[in-house]
């Protein structure tokens, strides 16, 4: 599993959680920086490294009023 974040803070959240889970083998977290081009480069690199699944992780949804902490947001289109 390759995980792409935009902000270092987001990558830190995942890194800490993975460490607490015993550092699962085959999971890589990459902080791409802002912009879709950076995210695409990071995703392509993860795929080239052999990851066969990708996840985009971010906390921007936390900026939406009324959402409770821990709410999972899933896009219905890209």
Protein backbone atom coordinates (compact mmCIF):
# COMPACT_ATOMS: atom_id res chain seq x y z
CA UNK A 1 0.00 0.00 0.00
CA UNK A 2 1.34 3.41 -0.97
CA UNK A 3 -0.14 6.41 0.84
CA UNK A 4 0.16 9.96 -0.52
CA UNK A 5 -0.32 13.06 1.63
CA UNK A 6 0.05 16.74 0.86
CA UNK A 7 1.21 18.07 4.21
CA UNK A 8 3.99 16.83 6.50
CA UNK A 9 1.52 16.97 9.38
CA UNK A 10 -0.68 14.42 7.61
CA UNK A 11 2.28 12.14 6.91
CA UNK A 12 3.23 12.41 10.59
CA UNK A 13 -0.22 11.24 11.68
CA UNK A 14 0.13 8.14 9.52
CA UNK A 15 3.73 7.46 10.46
CA UNK A 16 2.82 7.51 14.16
CA UNK A 17 -0.20 5.26 13.60
CA UNK A 18 1.86 2.78 11.58
CA UNK A 19 4.57 2.73 14.26
CA UNK A 20 1.92 2.00 16.89
CA UNK A 21 0.67 -0.86 14.69
CA UNK A 22 4.12 -2.42 14.53
CA UNK A 23 5.20 -0.89 11.22
CA UNK A 24 3.27 -3.10 8.77
CA UNK A 25 5.43 -4.44 5.95
CA UNK A 26 4.76 -3.02 2.51
CA UNK A 27 3.18 0.27 3.59
CA UNK A 28 4.91 3.46 2.45
CA UNK A 29 3.87 7.03 3.28
CA UNK A 30 4.95 9.82 0.93
CA UNK A 31 4.43 13.53 1.54
CA UNK A 32 4.07 14.91 -1.99
CA UNK A 33 3.53 18.57 -1.18
CA UNK A 34 0.77 20.74 -2.64
CA UNK A 35 -0.83 20.32 -6.03
CA UNK A 36 -2.17 17.54 -8.18
CA UNK A 37 1.04 17.33 -10.21
CA UNK A 38 3.08 16.58 -7.09
CA UNK A 39 0.50 13.99 -5.99
CA UNK A 40 0.61 12.36 -9.40
CA UNK A 41 4.43 12.15 -9.35
CA UNK A 42 4.32 10.62 -5.87
CA UNK A 43 1.67 8.09 -6.92
CA UNK A 44 3.63 7.12 -10.04
CA UNK A 45 6.78 6.64 -7.96
CA UNK A 46 4.94 4.41 -5.50
CA UNK A 47 3.57 2.31 -8.37
CA UNK A 48 7.05 2.03 -9.91
CA UNK A 49 8.30 0.81 -6.51
CA UNK A 50 5.82 -2.06 -6.69
CA UNK A 51 2.88 -0.83 -4.65
CA UNK A 52 -0.33 -2.21 -6.12
CA UNK A 53 -2.75 -0.07 -4.11
CA UNK A 54 -2.76 3.67 -3.42
CA UNK A 55 -4.49 5.78 -0.80
CA UNK A 56 -4.73 9.55 -0.62
CA UNK A 57 -4.91 10.79 2.96
CA UNK A 58 -5.68 14.31 4.09
CA UNK A 59 -7.32 16.32 6.84
CA UNK A 60 -8.85 19.08 4.73
CA UNK A 61 -12.31 17.63 5.39
CA UNK A 62 -11.81 18.80 8.96
CA UNK A 63 -12.39 22.31 7.69
CA UNK A 64 -16.04 21.59 6.90
CA UNK A 65 -18.31 22.90 9.64
CA UNK A 66 -20.50 20.27 11.22
CA UNK A 67 -18.25 17.28 10.55
CA UNK A 68 -17.23 15.35 13.63
CA UNK A 69 -13.61 14.23 14.18
CA UNK A 70 -13.01 10.86 12.58
CA UNK A 71 -15.63 11.30 9.86
CA UNK A 72 -14.63 9.34 6.77
CA UNK A 73 -15.13 11.21 3.49
CA UNK A 74 -15.26 9.21 0.26
CA UNK A 75 -15.38 10.88 -3.12
CA UNK A 76 -18.05 9.72 -5.54
CA UNK A 77 -16.05 11.04 -8.48
CA UNK A 78 -12.58 12.30 -9.34
